[in-house]
Amino acid sequence: MKMKSLTVALLAAFFSTTVFAKDLTHRFGLGIKNNTSQSLPSVAIVYHPTLDFAFTGGFGIDTKKDYSAFQLNAGVRKVIFTESNLNFYTGAQAGLVNFENPTDGKKSGFEIMALFGTEFFFAGLDNLAFTFEGGLGVASVKDVRFRTVADDPFRAGLIFYF
């Protein structure tokens, strides 16, 4: 697994000269993400009303018997700076979560995260964004849990902008 991560990182560095930042003003994005405390893949949305500000949201659901899961979140992003190859942003996200397992039954709670991240585009894929996020989070499902949030190359978000 470490070798795969190293290979992806080296390929990203090699192709970094073909990556460009985009003006996303008044653009709507739809894609995938996975940053909940219970690792639930989710559908993600992003809307940029201005050049340096965005609203985000998402939901994930799994109805597996005795192991159901649901999450719904909303957030904001503030672009701190742009470079020729990426947009760097900070933001916050809050959400509701519900998880079930046979031992504990159903548990509901909330999550709050303070995030920083990058969003970049490869040349020729002008509408497809790759996002990586990190930060700190608090989850209160069964107990209060503080955690770090970090995406690796295999958990990166993919957003298609219309």
N, C-alpha and C. Protein backbone atom coordinates (compact mmCIF):
# COMPACT_ATOMS: atom_id res chain seq x y z
N MET A 1 0.83 -1.19 0.00
CA MET A 1 0.00 0.00 0.00
C MET A 1 0.87 1.25 0.00
N LYS A 2 1.99 1.22 0.76
CA LYS A 2 2.89 2.37 0.80
C LYS A 2 3.51 2.62 -0.57
N MET A 3 3.81 1.56 -1.30
CA MET A 3 4.41 1.71 -2.62
C MET A 3 3.42 2.35 -3.58
N LYS A 4 2.14 1.99 -3.49
CA LYS A 4 1.13 2.60 -4.33
C LYS A 4 0.99 4.09 -4.03
N SER A 5 0.99 4.45 -2.75
CA SER A 5 0.90 5.86 -2.35
C SER A 5 2.09 6.64 -2.86
N LEU A 6 3.29 6.08 -2.75
CA LEU A 6 4.49 6.74 -3.23
C LEU A 6 4.44 6.93 -4.74
N THR A 7 3.98 5.92 -5.45
CA THR A 7 3.87 6.00 -6.91
C THR A 7 2.90 7.09 -7.33
N VAL A 8 1.74 7.17 -6.68
CA VAL A 8 0.76 8.20 -7.01
C VAL A 8 1.33 9.59 -6.71
N ALA A 9 2.01 9.74 -5.59
CA ALA A 9 2.61 11.04 -5.24
C ALA A 9 3.66 11.46 -6.26
N LEU A 10 4.50 10.52 -6.69
CA LEU A 10 5.52 10.84 -7.68
C LEU A 10 4.91 11.19 -9.03
N LEU A 11 3.86 10.47 -9.44
CA LEU A 11 3.18 10.80 -10.69
C LEU A 11 2.53 12.18 -10.62
N ALA A 12 1.93 12.51 -9.48
CA ALA A 12 1.32 13.84 -9.32
C ALA A 12 2.38 14.93 -9.41
N ALA A 13 3.54 14.71 -8.79
CA ALA A 13 4.63 15.69 -8.87
C ALA A 13 5.15 15.82 -10.30
N PHE A 14 5.26 14.69 -11.01
CA PHE A 14 5.76 14.70 -12.38
C PHE A 14 4.84 15.48 -13.30
N PHE A 15 3.52 15.30 -13.15
CA PHE A 15 2.56 15.95 -14.02
C PHE A 15 2.09 17.30 -13.50
N SER A 16 2.67 17.80 -12.42
CA SER A 16 2.20 19.04 -11.81
C SER A 16 2.32 20.25 -12.72
N THR A 17 3.18 20.20 -13.73
CA THR A 17 3.29 21.34 -14.65
C THR A 17 2.10 21.42 -15.59
N THR A 18 1.28 20.38 -15.68
CA THR A 18 0.11 20.41 -16.56
C THR A 18 -1.18 20.63 -15.78
N VAL A 19 -1.10 21.10 -14.55
CA VAL A 19 -2.25 21.33 -13.71
C VAL A 19 -2.52 22.83 -13.63
N PHE A 20 -3.80 23.25 -13.74
CA PHE A 20 -4.13 24.67 -13.73
C PHE A 20 -5.28 24.94 -12.80
N ALA A 21 -5.25 26.08 -12.13
CA ALA A 21 -6.36 26.52 -11.29
C ALA A 21 -7.47 27.04 -12.19
N LYS A 22 -8.70 27.00 -11.71
CA LYS A 22 -9.85 27.43 -12.49
C LYS A 22 -10.67 28.46 -11.73
N ASP A 23 -11.27 29.38 -12.47
CA ASP A 23 -12.23 30.30 -11.89
C ASP A 23 -13.56 29.55 -11.82
N LEU A 24 -14.04 29.29 -10.61
CA LEU A 24 -15.24 28.49 -10.42
C LEU A 24 -16.46 29.33 -10.06
N THR A 25 -16.39 30.64 -10.27
CA THR A 25 -17.50 31.53 -9.93
C THR A 25 -18.78 31.08 -10.63
N HIS A 26 -19.86 30.95 -9.88
CA HIS A 26 -21.18 30.53 -10.36
C HIS A 26 -21.18 29.13 -10.99
N ARG A 27 -20.30 28.27 -10.52
CA ARG A 27 -20.25 26.90 -11.01
C ARG A 27 -20.77 25.96 -9.93
N PHE A 28 -21.47 24.92 -10.35
CA PHE A 28 -22.02 23.90 -9.47
C PHE A 28 -21.27 22.61 -9.73
N GLY A 29 -20.83 21.95 -8.66
CA GLY A 29 -20.11 20.69 -8.79
C GLY A 29 -20.84 19.55 -8.11
N LEU A 30 -20.74 18.37 -8.68
CA LEU A 30 -21.35 17.16 -8.15
C LEU A 30 -20.31 16.05 -8.21
N GLY A 31 -20.16 15.30 -7.12
CA GLY A 31 -19.15 14.25 -7.12
C GLY A 31 -19.22 13.34 -5.92
N ILE A 32 -18.05 12.84 -5.50
CA ILE A 32 -17.96 11.89 -4.40
C ILE A 32 -16.93 12.36 -3.39
N LYS A 33 -17.10 11.90 -2.14
CA LYS A 33 -16.23 12.28 -1.04
C LYS A 33 -16.35 11.22 0.06
N ASN A 34 -15.36 11.17 0.96
CA ASN A 34 -15.42 10.22 2.07
C ASN A 34 -14.65 10.80 3.25
N ASN A 35 -15.28 11.67 4.04
CA ASN A 35 -14.57 12.25 5.18
C ASN A 35 -15.36 12.20 6.47
N THR A 36 -16.34 11.29 6.57
CA THR A 36 -17.09 11.15 7.82
C THR A 36 -16.31 10.30 8.82
N SER A 37 -16.68 10.39 10.08
CA SER A 37 -15.95 9.67 11.13
C SER A 37 -16.09 8.16 11.01
N GLN A 38 -17.11 7.67 10.33
CA GLN A 38 -17.31 6.23 10.18
C GLN A 38 -17.00 5.74 8.77
N SER A 39 -16.30 6.55 7.98
CA SER A 39 -15.87 6.19 6.63
C SER A 39 -17.04 5.72 5.76
N LEU A 40 -17.95 6.63 5.51
CA LEU A 40 -19.11 6.36 4.66
C LEU A 40 -18.98 7.13 3.36
N PRO A 41 -18.76 6.46 2.21
CA PRO A 41 -18.68 7.17 0.94
C PRO A 41 -19.96 7.99 0.71
N SER A 42 -19.79 9.19 0.17
CA SER A 42 -20.91 10.12 0.08
C SER A 42 -20.96 10.82 -1.26
N VAL A 43 -22.15 11.27 -1.63
CA VAL A 43 -22.34 12.15 -2.77
C VAL A 43 -22.08 13.57 -2.27
N ALA A 44 -21.28 14.32 -3.01
CA ALA A 44 -20.90 15.67 -2.58
C ALA A 44 -21.36 16.70 -3.60
N ILE A 45 -21.72 17.90 -3.11
CA ILE A 45 -22.04 19.02 -3.97
C ILE A 45 -21.22 20.23 -3.53
N VAL A 46 -20.90 21.09 -4.49
CA VAL A 46 -20.16 22.32 -4.22
C VAL A 46 -20.74 23.41 -5.12
N TYR A 47 -20.96 24.59 -4.56
CA TYR A 47 -21.38 25.74 -5.36
C TYR A 47 -20.50 26.94 -4.99
N HIS A 48 -19.94 27.59 -5.99
CA HIS A 48 -19.08 28.76 -5.81
C HIS A 48 -19.84 30.02 -6.22
N PRO A 49 -20.46 30.77 -5.29
CA PRO A 49 -21.14 32.01 -5.67
C PRO A 49 -20.16 33.13 -6.05
N THR A 50 -18.94 33.07 -5.52
CA THR A 50 -17.90 34.05 -5.84
C THR A 50 -16.59 33.31 -6.11
N LEU A 51 -15.58 34.06 -6.50
CA LEU A 51 -14.28 33.47 -6.82
C LEU A 51 -13.64 32.80 -5.62
N ASP A 52 -13.83 33.36 -4.42
CA ASP A 52 -13.09 32.85 -3.26
C ASP A 52 -13.97 32.27 -2.15
N PHE A 53 -15.21 31.92 -2.45
CA PHE A 53 -16.12 31.41 -1.43
C PHE A 53 -16.98 30.30 -2.03
N ALA A 54 -17.24 29.23 -1.27
CA ALA A 54 -18.06 28.13 -1.76
C ALA A 54 -18.90 27.54 -0.64
N PHE A 55 -20.06 27.02 -1.02
CA PHE A 55 -20.91 26.24 -0.12
C PHE A 55 -20.76 24.78 -0.52
N THR A 56 -20.71 23.89 0.48
CA THR A 56 -20.58 22.47 0.21
C THR A 56 -21.69 21.69 0.92
N GLY A 57 -21.91 20.49 0.47
CA GLY A 57 -22.89 19.63 1.12
C GLY A 57 -22.66 18.20 0.69
N GLY A 58 -23.32 17.30 1.37
CA GLY A 58 -23.18 15.92 0.99
C GLY A 58 -24.08 15.00 1.80
N PHE A 59 -24.27 13.80 1.27
CA PHE A 59 -25.02 12.79 1.99
C PHE A 59 -24.51 11.42 1.61
N GLY A 60 -24.60 10.52 2.55
CA GLY A 60 -24.23 9.13 2.33
C GLY A 60 -25.23 8.23 3.02
N ILE A 61 -25.50 7.08 2.43
CA ILE A 61 -26.46 6.15 3.00
C ILE A 61 -26.05 4.71 2.70
N ASP A 62 -26.27 3.84 3.66
CA ASP A 62 -26.05 2.41 3.48
C ASP A 62 -27.13 1.72 4.31
N THR A 63 -27.99 0.92 3.69
CA THR A 63 -29.11 0.29 4.39
C THR A 63 -28.84 -1.19 4.71
N LYS A 64 -27.58 -1.57 4.82
CA LYS A 64 -27.24 -2.95 5.15
C LYS A 64 -27.88 -3.36 6.47
N LYS A 65 -28.52 -4.53 6.47
CA LYS A 65 -29.23 -5.01 7.67
C LYS A 65 -28.27 -5.08 8.85
N ASP A 66 -28.68 -4.50 9.96
CA ASP A 66 -27.95 -4.44 11.23
C ASP A 66 -26.68 -3.59 11.18
N TYR A 67 -26.35 -3.01 10.04
CA TYR A 67 -25.16 -2.15 9.91
C TYR A 67 -25.49 -0.90 9.10
N SER A 68 -26.68 -0.38 9.25
CA SER A 68 -27.07 0.78 8.44
C SER A 68 -26.26 2.01 8.84
N ALA A 69 -26.16 2.94 7.90
CA ALA A 69 -25.41 4.17 8.15
C ALA A 69 -26.03 5.29 7.31
N PHE A 70 -26.02 6.49 7.87
CA PHE A 70 -26.54 7.67 7.18
C PHE A 70 -25.76 8.89 7.67
N GLN A 71 -25.46 9.81 6.76
CA GLN A 71 -24.87 11.08 7.14
C GLN A 71 -25.34 12.15 6.18
N LEU A 72 -25.50 13.36 6.70
CA LEU A 72 -25.90 14.54 5.93
C LEU A 72 -25.06 15.69 6.45
N ASN A 73 -24.39 16.44 5.56
CA ASN A 73 -23.54 17.53 6.02
C ASN A 73 -23.66 18.76 5.13
N ALA A 74 -23.25 19.90 5.68
CA ALA A 74 -23.18 21.16 4.95
C ALA A 74 -21.95 21.91 5.43
N GLY A 75 -21.37 22.72 4.55
CA GLY A 75 -20.17 23.44 4.94
C GLY A 75 -19.91 24.64 4.08
N VAL A 76 -18.84 25.33 4.42
CA VAL A 76 -18.38 26.50 3.66
C VAL A 76 -16.88 26.37 3.41
N ARG A 77 -16.43 27.00 2.31
CA ARG A 77 -15.00 27.06 1.98
C ARG A 77 -14.63 28.50 1.68
N LYS A 78 -13.45 28.88 2.08
CA LYS A 78 -12.88 30.18 1.75
C LYS A 78 -11.55 29.92 1.07
N VAL A 79 -11.42 30.32 -0.21
CA VAL A 79 -10.17 30.13 -0.93
C VAL A 79 -9.16 31.12 -0.37
N ILE A 80 -8.06 30.61 0.13
CA ILE A 80 -7.01 31.44 0.72
C ILE A 80 -6.09 31.99 -0.36
N PHE A 81 -5.65 31.14 -1.26
CA PHE A 81 -4.87 31.61 -2.41
C PHE A 81 -4.95 30.60 -3.54
N THR A 82 -4.70 31.11 -4.72
CA THR A 82 -4.65 30.25 -5.90
C THR A 82 -3.23 30.26 -6.44
N GLU A 83 -2.85 29.18 -7.02
CA GLU A 83 -1.58 29.07 -7.71
C GLU A 83 -1.88 28.58 -9.11
N SER A 84 -0.84 28.46 -9.91
CA SER A 84 -1.06 28.02 -11.28
C SER A 84 -1.53 26.57 -11.34
N ASN A 85 -1.40 25.84 -10.23
CA ASN A 85 -1.80 24.44 -10.28
C ASN A 85 -2.87 24.03 -9.28
N LEU A 86 -3.32 24.96 -8.39
CA LEU A 86 -4.33 24.54 -7.42
C LEU A 86 -4.96 25.73 -6.73
N ASN A 87 -6.09 25.48 -6.11
CA ASN A 87 -6.71 26.41 -5.17
C ASN A 87 -6.54 25.83 -3.78
N PHE A 88 -6.06 26.63 -2.84
CA PHE A 88 -5.91 26.20 -1.45
C PHE A 88 -7.00 26.88 -0.64
N TYR A 89 -7.74 26.12 0.17
CA TYR A 89 -8.86 26.69 0.90
C TYR A 89 -8.89 26.21 2.35
N THR A 90 -9.62 26.96 3.16
CA THR A 90 -9.96 26.53 4.51
C THR A 90 -11.48 26.48 4.57
N GLY A 91 -12.01 25.80 5.56
CA GLY A 91 -13.46 25.71 5.65
C GLY A 91 -13.90 25.00 6.91
N ALA A 92 -15.21 24.87 7.00
CA ALA A 92 -15.84 24.18 8.12
C ALA A 92 -16.99 23.35 7.58
N GLN A 93 -17.29 22.27 8.28
CA GLN A 93 -18.37 21.38 7.88
C GLN A 93 -19.06 20.86 9.13
N ALA A 94 -20.38 20.79 9.08
CA ALA A 94 -21.17 20.24 10.18
C ALA A 94 -22.16 19.25 9.59
N GLY A 95 -22.47 18.21 10.36
CA GLY A 95 -23.38 17.22 9.84
C GLY A 95 -24.04 16.38 10.90
N LEU A 96 -25.07 15.66 10.46
CA LEU A 96 -25.79 14.70 11.29
C LEU A 96 -25.41 13.30 10.84
N VAL A 97 -25.24 12.40 11.79
CA VAL A 97 -24.85 11.03 11.47
C VAL A 97 -25.72 10.04 12.24
N ASN A 98 -25.91 8.85 11.66
CA ASN A 98 -26.63 7.77 12.30
C ASN A 98 -25.99 6.47 11.85
N PHE A 99 -25.54 5.66 12.81
CA PHE A 99 -24.89 4.39 12.51
C PHE A 99 -25.51 3.30 13.36
N GLU A 100 -25.51 2.07 12.80
CA GLU A 100 -26.08 0.93 13.52
C GLU A 100 -25.12 -0.25 13.44
N ASN A 101 -25.05 -0.99 14.55
CA ASN A 101 -24.37 -2.29 14.54
C ASN A 101 -25.11 -3.20 15.52
N PRO A 102 -24.96 -4.53 15.40
CA PRO A 102 -25.73 -5.45 16.24
C PRO A 102 -25.43 -5.32 17.73
N THR A 103 -24.23 -4.90 18.10
CA THR A 103 -23.85 -4.80 19.51
C THR A 103 -24.47 -3.59 20.18
N ASP A 104 -24.33 -2.41 19.57
CA ASP A 104 -24.77 -1.16 20.19
C ASP A 104 -26.14 -0.68 19.72
N GLY A 105 -26.66 -1.25 18.66
CA GLY A 105 -27.91 -0.76 18.09
C GLY A 105 -27.68 0.52 17.30
N LYS A 106 -28.72 1.32 17.16
CA LYS A 106 -28.62 2.58 16.40
C LYS A 106 -28.12 3.70 17.30
N LYS A 107 -27.21 4.49 16.75
CA LYS A 107 -26.65 5.64 17.45
C LYS A 107 -26.71 6.84 16.52
N SER A 108 -27.18 7.96 17.02
CA SER A 108 -27.25 9.19 16.25
C SER A 108 -26.40 10.25 16.92
N GLY A 109 -25.95 11.22 16.13
CA GLY A 109 -25.18 12.31 16.68
C GLY A 109 -24.83 13.34 15.63
N PHE A 110 -23.76 14.08 15.90
CA PHE A 110 -23.34 15.13 14.99
C PHE A 110 -21.83 15.07 14.79
N GLU A 111 -21.38 15.76 13.75
CA GLU A 111 -19.95 15.94 13.47
C GLU A 111 -19.71 17.39 13.11
N ILE A 112 -18.59 17.92 13.57
CA ILE A 112 -18.16 19.27 13.19
C ILE A 112 -16.68 19.16 12.83
N MET A 113 -16.30 19.75 11.68
CA MET A 113 -14.91 19.68 11.24
C MET A 113 -14.41 21.05 10.81
N ALA A 114 -13.16 21.34 11.14
CA ALA A 114 -12.43 22.50 10.62
C ALA A 114 -11.42 21.93 9.63
N LEU A 115 -11.49 22.38 8.38
CA LEU A 115 -10.73 21.75 7.31
C LEU A 115 -9.83 22.74 6.58
N PHE A 116 -8.81 22.21 5.95
CA PHE A 116 -8.05 22.92 4.92
C PHE A 116 -7.92 21.93 3.77
N GLY A 117 -7.76 22.43 2.57
CA GLY A 117 -7.68 21.50 1.45
C GLY A 117 -7.19 22.14 0.18
N THR A 118 -7.02 21.31 -0.82
CA THR A 118 -6.64 21.75 -2.15
C THR A 118 -7.61 21.16 -3.16
N GLU A 119 -7.78 21.89 -4.23
CA GLU A 119 -8.61 21.44 -5.33
C GLU A 119 -7.83 21.76 -6.60
N PHE A 120 -7.60 20.75 -7.44
CA PHE A 120 -6.83 21.01 -8.66
C PHE A 120 -7.42 20.30 -9.86
N PHE A 121 -7.02 20.78 -11.05
CA PHE A 121 -7.51 20.29 -12.33
C PHE A 121 -6.32 19.91 -13.21
N PHE A 122 -6.43 18.81 -13.95
CA PHE A 122 -5.44 18.46 -14.96
C PHE A 122 -5.84 19.11 -16.27
N ALA A 123 -4.86 19.48 -17.08
CA ALA A 123 -5.13 20.02 -18.41
C ALA A 123 -5.88 18.98 -19.23
N GLY A 124 -6.88 19.42 -19.94
CA GLY A 124 -7.70 18.51 -20.73
C GLY A 124 -8.90 17.97 -19.97
N LEU A 125 -8.90 18.09 -18.66
CA LEU A 125 -10.04 17.69 -17.83
C LEU A 125 -10.53 18.93 -17.08
N ASP A 126 -10.95 19.93 -17.83
CA ASP A 126 -11.26 21.24 -17.26
C ASP A 126 -12.42 21.26 -16.29
N ASN A 127 -13.31 20.29 -16.34
CA ASN A 127 -14.46 20.27 -15.45
C ASN A 127 -14.32 19.29 -14.28
N LEU A 128 -13.25 18.54 -14.22
CA LEU A 128 -13.07 17.52 -13.20
C LEU A 128 -12.04 17.98 -12.17
N ALA A 129 -12.47 18.12 -10.91
CA ALA A 129 -11.59 18.56 -9.83
C ALA A 129 -11.24 17.40 -8.92
N PHE A 130 -10.00 17.36 -8.48
CA PHE A 130 -9.52 16.42 -7.48
C PHE A 130 -9.32 17.20 -6.20
N THR A 131 -9.88 16.74 -5.09
CA THR A 131 -9.76 17.45 -3.82
C THR A 131 -9.14 16.56 -2.76
N PHE A 132 -8.30 17.18 -1.93
CA PHE A 132 -7.71 16.54 -0.77
C PHE A 132 -7.97 17.45 0.42
N GLU A 133 -8.42 16.89 1.53
CA GLU A 133 -8.73 17.68 2.71
C GLU A 133 -8.07 17.10 3.95
N GLY A 134 -7.80 17.97 4.91
CA GLY A 134 -7.27 17.58 6.20
C GLY A 134 -7.78 18.54 7.25
N GLY A 135 -7.63 18.20 8.51
CA GLY A 135 -8.06 19.10 9.57
C GLY A 135 -8.39 18.35 10.84
N LEU A 136 -9.25 18.97 11.63
CA LEU A 136 -9.66 18.42 12.92
C LEU A 136 -11.17 18.28 12.95
N GLY A 137 -11.64 17.25 13.65
CA GLY A 137 -13.07 17.03 13.75
C GLY A 137 -13.49 16.58 15.13
N VAL A 138 -14.75 16.82 15.43
CA VAL A 138 -15.39 16.35 16.66
C VAL A 138 -16.63 15.58 16.24
N ALA A 139 -16.77 14.37 16.72
CA ALA A 139 -17.95 13.56 16.43
C ALA A 139 -18.58 13.14 17.74
N SER A 140 -19.89 13.24 17.81
CA SER A 140 -20.62 12.81 18.98
C SER A 140 -21.69 11.83 18.53
N VAL A 141 -21.34 10.57 18.49
CA VAL A 141 -22.31 9.54 18.10
C VAL A 141 -22.64 8.71 19.33
N LYS A 142 -21.73 7.90 19.79
CA LYS A 142 -21.92 7.17 21.04
C LYS A 142 -21.25 7.95 22.17
N ASP A 143 -20.01 8.32 21.95
CA ASP A 143 -19.24 9.15 22.87
C ASP A 143 -18.68 10.32 22.05
N VAL A 144 -18.19 11.33 22.73
CA VAL A 144 -17.53 12.43 22.02
C VAL A 144 -16.15 11.95 21.59
N ARG A 145 -15.85 12.18 20.33
CA ARG A 145 -14.61 11.69 19.74
C ARG A 145 -13.93 12.84 18.99
N PHE A 146 -12.69 13.15 19.35
CA PHE A 146 -11.89 14.11 18.61
C PHE A 146 -11.01 13.33 17.65
N ARG A 147 -10.86 13.84 16.43
CA ARG A 147 -10.09 13.09 15.44
C ARG A 147 -9.43 14.02 14.44
N THR A 148 -8.40 13.53 13.80
CA THR A 148 -7.82 14.26 12.68
C THR A 148 -8.49 13.75 11.41
N VAL A 149 -8.60 14.62 10.44
CA VAL A 149 -9.18 14.29 9.15
C VAL A 149 -8.05 14.40 8.14
N ALA A 150 -7.85 13.38 7.31
CA ALA A 150 -6.80 13.44 6.29
C ALA A 150 -7.15 12.50 5.14
N ASP A 151 -7.11 13.04 3.94
CA ASP A 151 -7.33 12.23 2.74
C ASP A 151 -5.99 11.75 2.21
N ASP A 152 -5.95 10.50 1.78
CA ASP A 152 -4.78 10.02 1.06
C ASP A 152 -5.17 9.95 -0.42
N PRO A 153 -4.24 9.68 -1.31
CA PRO A 153 -4.58 9.68 -2.74
C PRO A 153 -5.71 8.73 -3.13
N PHE A 154 -5.95 7.70 -2.34
CA PHE A 154 -6.99 6.74 -2.68
C PHE A 154 -8.34 7.12 -2.08
N ARG A 155 -8.41 8.19 -1.28
CA ARG A 155 -9.66 8.70 -0.72
C ARG A 155 -9.92 10.12 -1.19
N ALA A 156 -9.26 10.56 -2.22
CA ALA A 156 -9.45 11.92 -2.71
C ALA A 156 -10.88 12.08 -3.22
N GLY A 157 -11.39 13.30 -3.09
CA GLY A 157 -12.70 13.60 -3.63
C GLY A 157 -12.60 13.91 -5.12
N LEU A 158 -13.64 13.57 -5.85
CA LEU A 158 -13.73 13.88 -7.28
C LEU A 158 -15.01 14.67 -7.49
N ILE A 159 -14.89 15.86 -8.07
CA ILE A 159 -16.04 16.73 -8.30
C ILE A 159 -16.08 17.10 -9.77
N PHE A 160 -17.22 16.93 -10.42
CA PHE A 160 -17.41 17.38 -11.79
C PHE A 160 -18.19 18.68 -11.77
N TYR A 161 -17.63 19.73 -12.36
CA TYR A 161 -18.26 21.04 -12.39
C TYR A 161 -19.03 21.25 -13.68
N PHE A 162 -20.26 21.75 -13.55
CA PHE A 162 -21.10 22.07 -14.69
C PHE A 162 -20.98 23.54 -15.03
